[in-house]
N, C-alpha and C. Protein backbone atom coordinates (compact mmCIF):
# COMPACT_ATOMS: atom_id res chain seq x y z
N UNK A 1 -10.79 0.11 19.53
CA UNK A 1 -11.68 1.52 19.22
C UNK A 1 -12.07 1.93 20.68
N UNK A 2 -12.07 1.17 21.35
CA UNK A 2 -12.11 1.68 22.95
C UNK A 2 -11.36 2.50 23.31
N UNK A 3 -10.09 2.03 23.24
CA UNK A 3 -8.67 2.76 23.50
C UNK A 3 -8.91 4.31 23.05
N UNK A 4 -9.38 4.32 22.11
CA UNK A 4 -9.59 5.65 21.38
C UNK A 4 -10.76 6.48 22.08
N UNK A 5 -11.62 6.03 22.36
CA UNK A 5 -12.79 6.67 22.85
C UNK A 5 -12.33 6.73 24.43
N UNK A 6 -11.62 6.19 25.16
CA UNK A 6 -11.16 6.54 26.42
C UNK A 6 -10.44 7.47 26.40
N UNK A 7 -9.37 7.48 25.38
CA UNK A 7 -8.27 8.77 25.38
C UNK A 7 -9.02 9.95 25.00
N UNK A 8 -10.21 9.93 24.05
CA UNK A 8 -11.00 11.32 23.70
C UNK A 8 -11.56 11.83 24.95
N UNK A 9 -12.21 10.71 25.83
CA UNK A 9 -13.12 11.03 27.18
C UNK A 9 -12.01 11.85 28.00
N UNK A 10 -10.80 11.32 27.90
CA UNK A 10 -9.77 11.61 29.20
C UNK A 10 -9.28 13.12 28.80
N UNK A 11 -9.25 13.28 27.37
CA UNK A 11 -8.72 14.62 26.96
C UNK A 11 -9.99 15.63 27.10
N UNK A 12 -11.04 15.27 26.86
CA UNK A 12 -12.15 16.12 27.26
C UNK A 12 -12.49 16.54 28.53
N UNK A 13 -12.21 15.48 29.74
CA UNK A 13 -12.26 15.99 30.94
C UNK A 13 -11.03 16.45 31.30
N UNK A 14 -9.83 16.82 30.59
CA UNK A 14 -8.77 17.47 31.03
C UNK A 14 -8.90 18.99 30.40
N UNK A 15 -9.60 18.96 29.21
CA UNK A 15 -9.63 20.17 29.03
C UNK A 15 -10.77 21.40 29.71
N UNK A 16 -11.77 20.16 30.18
CA UNK A 16 -12.94 21.13 30.82
C UNK A 16 -12.29 21.54 32.21
N UNK A 17 -11.12 20.74 32.79
CA UNK A 17 -10.76 21.18 33.99
C UNK A 17 -9.79 22.35 33.87
N UNK A 18 -9.07 22.29 32.65
CA UNK A 18 -8.16 23.49 32.27
C UNK A 18 -9.18 24.95 32.51
N UNK A 19 -10.28 24.69 31.39
CA UNK A 19 -10.98 26.19 31.38
C UNK A 19 -11.78 26.44 32.75
N UNK A 20 -11.97 25.45 33.61
CA UNK A 20 -12.24 25.65 34.91
C UNK A 20 -11.38 26.39 35.79
N UNK A 21 -10.02 26.27 35.72
CA UNK A 21 -9.31 26.72 36.32
C UNK A 21 -8.95 28.11 35.76
N UNK A 22 -8.88 28.18 34.47
CA UNK A 22 -8.72 29.74 33.87
C UNK A 22 -9.94 30.53 34.06
N UNK A 23 -11.09 29.95 34.45
CA UNK A 23 -12.11 31.03 34.67
C UNK A 23 -12.17 31.29 36.03
N UNK A 24 -11.60 30.41 36.99
CA UNK A 24 -11.29 30.68 38.34
C UNK A 24 -10.44 31.91 38.61
N UNK A 25 -9.26 31.41 37.86
CA UNK A 25 -8.13 32.90 37.73
C UNK A 25 -8.86 33.99 37.52
N UNK A 26 -9.35 34.04 36.04
CA UNK A 26 -10.08 35.34 35.75
C UNK A 26 -10.89 35.86 36.87
N UNK A 27 -11.62 35.05 37.53
CA UNK A 27 -12.57 35.61 38.61
C UNK A 27 -11.70 36.44 39.62
N UNK A 28 -10.58 35.34 40.10
CA UNK A 28 -9.72 36.09 41.13
C UNK A 28 -9.28 37.41 40.66
N UNK A 29 -8.67 37.48 39.53
CA UNK A 29 -8.04 38.83 39.17
C UNK A 29 -8.87 39.58 39.07
N UNK A 30 -10.45 39.65 38.66
CA UNK A 30 -11.15 40.68 38.46
C UNK A 30 -11.52 41.39 39.94
N UNK A 31 -11.35 40.52 40.93
CA UNK A 31 -11.73 41.05 42.34
C UNK A 31 -10.64 41.56 43.20
N UNK A 32 -9.54 41.47 42.50
CA UNK A 32 -8.56 41.88 43.14
C UNK A 32 -8.19 43.33 43.23
N UNK A 33 -8.13 44.16 44.37
CA UNK A 33 -8.20 45.48 44.41
C UNK A 33 -6.93 46.25 43.66
N UNK A 34 -6.04 45.27 43.14
CA UNK A 34 -4.67 45.86 42.30
C UNK A 34 -4.98 45.94 40.86
N UNK A 35 -4.69 47.01 39.97
CA UNK A 35 -4.64 46.81 38.59
C UNK A 35 -3.59 46.20 37.99
N UNK A 36 -4.57 44.96 37.33
CA UNK A 36 -3.88 43.80 36.50
C UNK A 36 -4.20 43.85 35.10
N UNK A 37 -2.96 43.63 34.16
CA UNK A 37 -3.44 43.20 32.83
C UNK A 37 -2.55 42.28 32.45
N UNK A 38 -3.37 41.27 31.91
CA UNK A 38 -2.74 40.30 31.40
C UNK A 38 -2.72 40.18 29.96
N UNK A 39 -1.37 39.46 29.47
CA UNK A 39 -1.06 39.62 28.11
C UNK A 39 -0.89 38.11 27.62
N UNK A 40 -1.31 37.96 26.52
CA UNK A 40 -0.70 36.63 25.41
C UNK A 40 0.57 36.65 25.16
N UNK A 41 1.22 35.58 24.74
CA UNK A 41 2.34 35.78 24.23
C UNK A 41 2.80 36.49 23.16
N UNK A 42 2.06 36.85 22.36
CA UNK A 42 1.90 37.92 21.32
C UNK A 42 2.14 39.34 21.67
N UNK A 43 1.78 39.56 22.90
CA UNK A 43 1.93 40.93 23.45
C UNK A 43 0.49 41.70 23.34
N UNK A 44 -0.67 41.00 23.19
CA UNK A 44 -2.19 41.65 22.86
C UNK A 44 -2.56 41.16 24.24
N UNK A 45 -3.28 42.29 24.94
CA UNK A 45 -3.83 42.19 26.27
C UNK A 45 -5.31 41.27 26.16
N UNK A 46 -5.17 40.40 27.17
CA UNK A 46 -6.37 39.40 26.96
C UNK A 46 -7.30 39.66 28.28
N UNK A 47 -6.99 40.14 29.29
CA UNK A 47 -7.43 40.39 30.46
C UNK A 47 -7.16 41.96 31.22
N UNK A 48 -8.09 42.35 31.78
CA UNK A 48 -7.91 43.79 32.30
C UNK A 48 -9.11 43.73 33.58
N UNK A 49 -8.40 43.88 34.63
CA UNK A 49 -9.55 43.94 35.81
C UNK A 49 -10.19 45.40 35.97
N UNK A 50 -11.03 45.13 36.59
CA UNK A 50 -11.66 46.45 37.17
C UNK A 50 -11.19 47.62 37.57
N UNK A 51 -10.19 47.23 38.65
CA UNK A 51 -9.24 48.21 39.31
C UNK A 51 -8.13 48.81 38.37
N UNK A 52 -8.14 48.19 37.11
CA UNK A 52 -7.29 49.15 36.14
C UNK A 52 -7.87 50.01 35.20
N UNK A 53 -9.45 49.44 35.04
CA UNK A 53 -10.23 50.20 34.39
C UNK A 53 -10.76 51.65 35.37
N UNK A 54 -10.59 51.49 36.31
CA UNK A 54 -10.79 52.83 37.40
C UNK A 54 -10.02 53.63 37.65
N UNK A 55 -8.69 53.44 37.22
CA UNK A 55 -7.44 54.36 37.02
C UNK A 55 -7.79 55.74 36.42
């Protein structure tokens, strides 16, 4: 049972780290002066920065 709990805790920490990196990347993209649009694998737009909106 302890192994399952430890694995779940490690997965939670990994997931939190991944979301933190995604949030940081989104903030960096938002403040770049170049127009940027990020797409999901299915082709839908998931992120657009302010520079693109200002065009």
